Amino acid sequence: MVAKIWKKVLMLILIVACTFNVINKLVHNLSLEEELLSSAEYIQEQQDTEKEVIK
């Protein structure tokens, strides 16, 4: 009897946690343009540091 209650409580907690995770990702995701710009800036910085090391 107690095991069934705990199973339902833990299942409810799991559902709430998963729902919160999905909603959080949807709210805080970066736009594709911002993601591409940050990636391009990072690659440019890496290339600049490699050129400085070579000199």
PDB file of N, CA and C in Angstrom:
ATOM      1  N   MET A   1       0.828  -1.193   0.000  1.00  0.00           N
ATOM      2  CA  MET A   1       0.000   0.000   0.000  1.00  0.00           C
ATOM      3  C   MET A   1       0.874   1.258   0.000  1.00  0.00           C
ATOM      4  N   VAL A   2       1.830   1.297   0.909  1.00  0.00           N
ATOM      5  CA  VAL A   2       2.718   2.455   1.004  1.00  0.00           C
ATOM      6  C   VAL A   2       3.582   2.558  -0.248  1.00  0.00           C
ATOM      7  N   ALA A   3       3.989   1.414  -0.794  1.00  0.00           N
ATOM      8  CA  ALA A   3       4.835   1.398  -1.989  1.00  0.00           C
ATOM      9  C   ALA A   3       4.095   2.006  -3.178  1.00  0.00           C
ATOM     10  N   LYS A   4       2.808   1.736  -3.309  1.00  0.00           N
ATOM     11  CA  LYS A   4       2.029   2.299  -4.408  1.00  0.00           C
ATOM     12  C   LYS A   4       1.929   3.810  -4.289  1.00  0.00           C
ATOM     13  N   ILE A   5       1.769   4.304  -3.070  1.00  0.00           N
ATOM     14  CA  ILE A   5       1.681   5.751  -2.855  1.00  0.00           C
ATOM     15  C   ILE A   5       3.010   6.409  -3.211  1.00  0.00           C
ATOM     16  N   TRP A   6       4.129   5.817  -2.763  1.00  0.00           N
ATOM     17  CA  TRP A   6       5.443   6.384  -3.072  1.00  0.00           C
ATOM     18  C   TRP A   6       5.711   6.350  -4.572  1.00  0.00           C
ATOM     19  N   LYS A   7       5.278   5.273  -5.217  1.00  0.00           N
ATOM     20  CA  LYS A   7       5.473   5.165  -6.663  1.00  0.00           C
ATOM     21  C   LYS A   7       4.723   6.288  -7.382  1.00  0.00           C
ATOM     22  N   LYS A   8       3.517   6.578  -6.967  1.00  0.00           N
ATOM     23  CA  LYS A   8       2.737   7.652  -7.592  1.00  0.00           C
ATOM     24  C   LYS A   8       3.352   9.021  -7.304  1.00  0.00           C
ATOM     25  N   VAL A   9       3.843   9.222  -6.086  1.00  0.00           N
ATOM     26  CA  VAL A   9       4.467  10.492  -5.721  1.00  0.00           C
ATOM     27  C   VAL A   9       5.739  10.709  -6.535  1.00  0.00           C
ATOM     28  N   LEU A  10       6.572   9.687  -6.631  1.00  0.00           N
ATOM     29  CA  LEU A  10       7.814   9.809  -7.396  1.00  0.00           C
ATOM     30  C   LEU A  10       7.542   9.984  -8.881  1.00  0.00           C
ATOM     31  N   MET A  11       6.514   9.345  -9.399  1.00  0.00           N
ATOM     32  CA  MET A  11       6.153   9.519 -10.804  1.00  0.00           C
ATOM     33  C   MET A  11       5.684  10.947 -11.057  1.00  0.00           C
ATOM     34  N   LEU A  12       4.928  11.508 -10.139  1.00  0.00           N
ATOM     35  CA  LEU A  12       4.477  12.894 -10.263  1.00  0.00           C
ATOM     36  C   LEU A  12       5.664  13.854 -10.228  1.00  0.00           C
ATOM     37  N   ILE A  13       6.614  13.615  -9.332  1.00  0.00           N
ATOM     38  CA  ILE A  13       7.815  14.450  -9.260  1.00  0.00           C
ATOM     39  C   ILE A  13       8.602  14.351 -10.560  1.00  0.00           C
ATOM     40  N   LEU A  14       8.725  13.155 -11.117  1.00  0.00           N
ATOM     41  CA  LEU A  14       9.437  12.965 -12.377  1.00  0.00           C
ATOM     42  C   LEU A  14       8.754  13.715 -13.517  1.00  0.00           C
ATOM     43  N   ILE A  15       7.450  13.655 -13.596  1.00  0.00           N
ATOM     44  CA  ILE A  15       6.710  14.356 -14.647  1.00  0.00           C
ATOM     45  C   ILE A  15       6.877  15.858 -14.511  1.00  0.00           C
ATOM     46  N   VAL A  16       6.796  16.375 -13.292  1.00  0.00           N
ATOM     47  CA  VAL A  16       6.964  17.811 -13.069  1.00  0.00           C
ATOM     48  C   VAL A  16       8.378  18.246 -13.440  1.00  0.00           C
ATOM     49  N   ALA A  17       9.380  17.464 -13.064  1.00  0.00           N
ATOM     50  CA  ALA A  17      10.763  17.809 -13.369  1.00  0.00           C
ATOM     51  C   ALA A  17      11.002  17.818 -14.880  1.00  0.00           C
ATOM     52  N   CYS A  18      10.493  16.832 -15.583  1.00  0.00           N
ATOM     53  CA  CYS A  18      10.664  16.783 -17.040  1.00  0.00           C
ATOM     54  C   CYS A  18       9.951  17.943 -17.721  1.00  0.00           C
ATOM     55  N   THR A  19       8.751  18.248 -17.264  1.00  0.00           N
ATOM     56  CA  THR A  19       8.010  19.370 -17.832  1.00  0.00           C
ATOM     57  C   THR A  19       8.752  20.679 -17.591  1.00  0.00           C
ATOM     58  N   PHE A  20       9.259  20.875 -16.387  1.00  0.00           N
ATOM     59  CA  PHE A  20      10.023  22.084 -16.071  1.00  0.00           C
ATOM     60  C   PHE A  20      11.260  22.187 -16.948  1.00  0.00           C
ATOM     61  N   ASN A  21      11.945  21.070 -17.170  1.00  0.00           N
ATOM     62  CA  ASN A  21      13.149  21.057 -17.997  1.00  0.00           C
ATOM     63  C   ASN A  21      12.827  21.461 -19.434  1.00  0.00           C
ATOM     64  N   VAL A  22      11.772  20.913 -19.996  1.00  0.00           N
ATOM     65  CA  VAL A  22      11.393  21.240 -21.376  1.00  0.00           C
ATOM     66  C   VAL A  22      11.003  22.706 -21.488  1.00  0.00           C
ATOM     67  N   ILE A  23      10.200  23.197 -20.562  1.00  0.00           N
ATOM     68  CA  ILE A  23       9.772  24.594 -20.613  1.00  0.00           C
ATOM     69  C   ILE A  23      10.964  25.521 -20.440  1.00  0.00           C
ATOM     70  N   ASN A  24      11.871  25.193 -19.560  1.00  0.00           N
ATOM     71  CA  ASN A  24      13.062  26.001 -19.328  1.00  0.00           C
ATOM     72  C   ASN A  24      13.913  26.081 -20.604  1.00  0.00           C
ATOM     73  N   LYS A  25      14.079  24.970 -21.301  1.00  0.00           N
ATOM     74  CA  LYS A  25      14.857  24.962 -22.534  1.00  0.00           C
ATOM     75  C   LYS A  25      14.170  25.780 -23.625  1.00  0.00           C
ATOM     76  N   LEU A  26      12.855  25.716 -23.691  1.00  0.00           N
ATOM     77  CA  LEU A  26      12.139  26.489 -24.704  1.00  0.00           C
ATOM     78  C   LEU A  26      12.235  27.991 -24.444  1.00  0.00           C
ATOM     79  N   VAL A  27      12.196  28.376 -23.196  1.00  0.00           N
ATOM     80  CA  VAL A  27      12.227  29.792 -22.846  1.00  0.00           C
ATOM     81  C   VAL A  27      13.618  30.376 -23.035  1.00  0.00           C
ATOM     82  N   HIS A  28      14.658  29.617 -22.690  1.00  0.00           N
ATOM     83  CA  HIS A  28      16.008  30.158 -22.686  1.00  0.00           C
ATOM     84  C   HIS A  28      16.861  29.758 -23.879  1.00  0.00           C
ATOM     85  N   ASN A  29      16.255  29.213 -24.939  1.00  0.00           N
ATOM     86  CA  ASN A  29      17.115  28.806 -26.043  1.00  0.00           C
ATOM     87  C   ASN A  29      17.553  30.029 -26.842  1.00  0.00           C
ATOM     88  N   LEU A  30      18.757  29.944 -27.387  1.00  0.00           N
ATOM     89  CA  LEU A  30      19.303  31.031 -28.173  1.00  0.00           C
ATOM     90  C   LEU A  30      18.782  30.910 -29.594  1.00  0.00           C
ATOM     91  N   SER A  31      18.669  32.035 -30.246  1.00  0.00           N
ATOM     92  CA  SER A  31      18.268  31.973 -31.635  1.00  0.00           C
ATOM     93  C   SER A  31      19.415  31.401 -32.462  1.00  0.00           C
ATOM     94  N   LEU A  32      19.104  30.904 -33.629  1.00  0.00           N
ATOM     95  CA  LEU A  32      20.116  30.298 -34.483  1.00  0.00           C
ATOM     96  C   LEU A  32      21.170  31.327 -34.876  1.00  0.00           C
ATOM     97  N   GLU A  33      20.740  32.553 -35.135  1.00  0.00           N
ATOM     98  CA  GLU A  33      21.682  33.595 -35.526  1.00  0.00           C
ATOM     99  C   GLU A  33      22.686  33.876 -34.412  1.00  0.00           C
ATOM    100  N   GLU A  34      22.218  33.987 -33.179  1.00  0.00           N
ATOM    101  CA  GLU A  34      23.113  34.236 -32.045  1.00  0.00           C
ATOM    102  C   GLU A  34      24.081  33.069 -31.864  1.00  0.00           C
ATOM    103  N   GLU A  35      23.588  31.858 -32.038  1.00  0.00           N
ATOM    104  CA  GLU A  35      24.436  30.677 -31.890  1.00  0.00           C
ATOM    105  C   GLU A  35      25.529  30.662 -32.957  1.00  0.00           C
ATOM    106  N   LEU A  36      25.175  30.968 -34.193  1.00  0.00           N
ATOM    107  CA  LEU A  36      26.161  30.986 -35.274  1.00  0.00           C
ATOM    108  C   LEU A  36      27.187  32.092 -35.068  1.00  0.00           C
ATOM    109  N   LEU A  37      26.741  33.261 -34.620  1.00  0.00           N
ATOM    110  CA  LEU A  37      27.673  34.368 -34.380  1.00  0.00           C
ATOM    111  C   LEU A  37      28.671  34.029 -33.275  1.00  0.00           C
ATOM    112  N   SER A  38      28.183  33.441 -32.204  1.00  0.00           N
ATOM    113  CA  SER A  38      29.099  33.104 -31.108  1.00  0.00           C
ATOM    114  C   SER A  38      30.083  32.028 -31.549  1.00  0.00           C
ATOM    115  N   SER A  39      29.635  31.074 -32.355  1.00  0.00           N
ATOM    116  CA  SER A  39      30.549  30.047 -32.866  1.00  0.00           C
ATOM    117  C   SER A  39      31.598  30.655 -33.781  1.00  0.00           C
ATOM    118  N   ALA A  40      31.183  31.571 -34.650  1.00  0.00           N
ATOM    119  CA  ALA A  40      32.130  32.209 -35.568  1.00  0.00           C
ATOM    120  C   ALA A  40      33.154  33.040 -34.802  1.00  0.00           C
ATOM    121  N   GLU A  41      32.726  33.758 -33.776  1.00  0.00           N
ATOM    122  CA  GLU A  41      33.645  34.555 -32.966  1.00  0.00           C
ATOM    123  C   GLU A  41      34.660  33.653 -32.260  1.00  0.00           C
ATOM    124  N   TYR A  42      34.209  32.527 -31.753  1.00  0.00           N
ATOM    125  CA  TYR A  42      35.103  31.597 -31.066  1.00  0.00           C
ATOM    126  C   TYR A  42      36.150  31.050 -32.031  1.00  0.00           C
ATOM    127  N   ILE A  43      35.709  30.649 -33.214  1.00  0.00           N
ATOM    128  CA  ILE A  43      36.653  30.113 -34.206  1.00  0.00           C
ATOM    129  C   ILE A  43      37.658  31.179 -34.611  1.00  0.00           C
ATOM    130  N   GLN A  44      37.200  32.411 -34.785  1.00  0.00           N
ATOM    131  CA  GLN A  44      38.096  33.503 -35.164  1.00  0.00           C
ATOM    132  C   GLN A  44      39.150  33.743 -34.074  1.00  0.00           C
ATOM    133  N   GLU A  45      38.722  33.716 -32.821  1.00  0.00           N
ATOM    134  CA  GLU A  45      39.668  33.901 -31.713  1.00  0.00           C
ATOM    135  C   GLU A  45      40.703  32.773 -31.689  1.00  0.00           C
ATOM    136  N   GLN A  46      40.267  31.548 -31.942  1.00  0.00           N
ATOM    137  CA  GLN A  46      41.190  30.417 -31.955  1.00  0.00           C
ATOM    138  C   GLN A  46      42.210  30.562 -33.085  1.00  0.00           C
ATOM    139  N   GLN A  47      41.754  30.995 -34.228  1.00  0.00           N
ATOM    140  CA  GLN A  47      42.670  31.177 -35.353  1.00  0.00           C
ATOM    141  C   GLN A  47      43.652  32.308 -35.079  1.00  0.00           C
ATOM    142  N   ASP A  48      43.192  33.374 -34.449  1.00  0.00           N
ATOM    143  CA  ASP A  48      44.079  34.487 -34.123  1.00  0.00           C
ATOM    144  C   ASP A  48      45.163  34.056 -33.128  1.00  0.00           C
ATOM    145  N   THR A  49      44.793  33.274 -32.132  1.00  0.00           N
ATOM    146  CA  THR A  49      45.778  32.820 -31.160  1.00  0.00           C
ATOM    147  C   THR A  49      46.777  31.863 -31.796  1.00  0.00           C
ATOM    148  N   GLU A  50      46.331  31.047 -32.737  1.00  0.00           N
ATOM    149  CA  GLU A  50      47.256  30.148 -33.439  1.00  0.00           C
ATOM    150  C   GLU A  50      48.256  30.943 -34.265  1.00  0.00           C
ATOM    151  N   LYS A  51      47.792  32.006 -34.905  1.00  0.00           N
ATOM    152  CA  LYS A  51      48.696  32.842 -35.711  1.00  0.00           C
ATOM    153  C   LYS A  51      49.726  33.534 -34.815  1.00  0.00           C
ATOM    154  N   GLU A  52      49.303  33.959 -33.635  1.00  0.00           N
ATOM    155  CA  GLU A  52      50.234  34.621 -32.705  1.00  0.00           C
ATOM    156  C   GLU A  52      51.288  33.649 -32.205  1.00  0.00           C
ATOM    157  N   VAL A  53      50.913  32.411 -31.982  1.00  0.00           N
ATOM    158  CA  VAL A  53      51.850  31.407 -31.504  1.00  0.00           C
ATOM    159  C   VAL A  53      52.882  31.096 -32.583  1.00  0.00           C
ATOM    160  N   ILE A  54      52.441  31.043 -33.822  1.00  0.00           N
ATOM    161  CA  ILE A  54      53.343  30.736 -34.928  1.00  0.00           C
ATOM    162  C   ILE A  54      54.382  31.833 -35.109  1.00  0.00           C
ATOM    163  N   LYS A  55      53.997  33.098 -34.935  1.00  0.00           N
ATOM    164  CA  LYS A  55      54.915  34.241 -35.108  1.00  0.00           C
ATOM    165  C   LYS A  55      55.890  34.252 -33.997  1.00  0.00           C
TER     166      LYS A  55
END
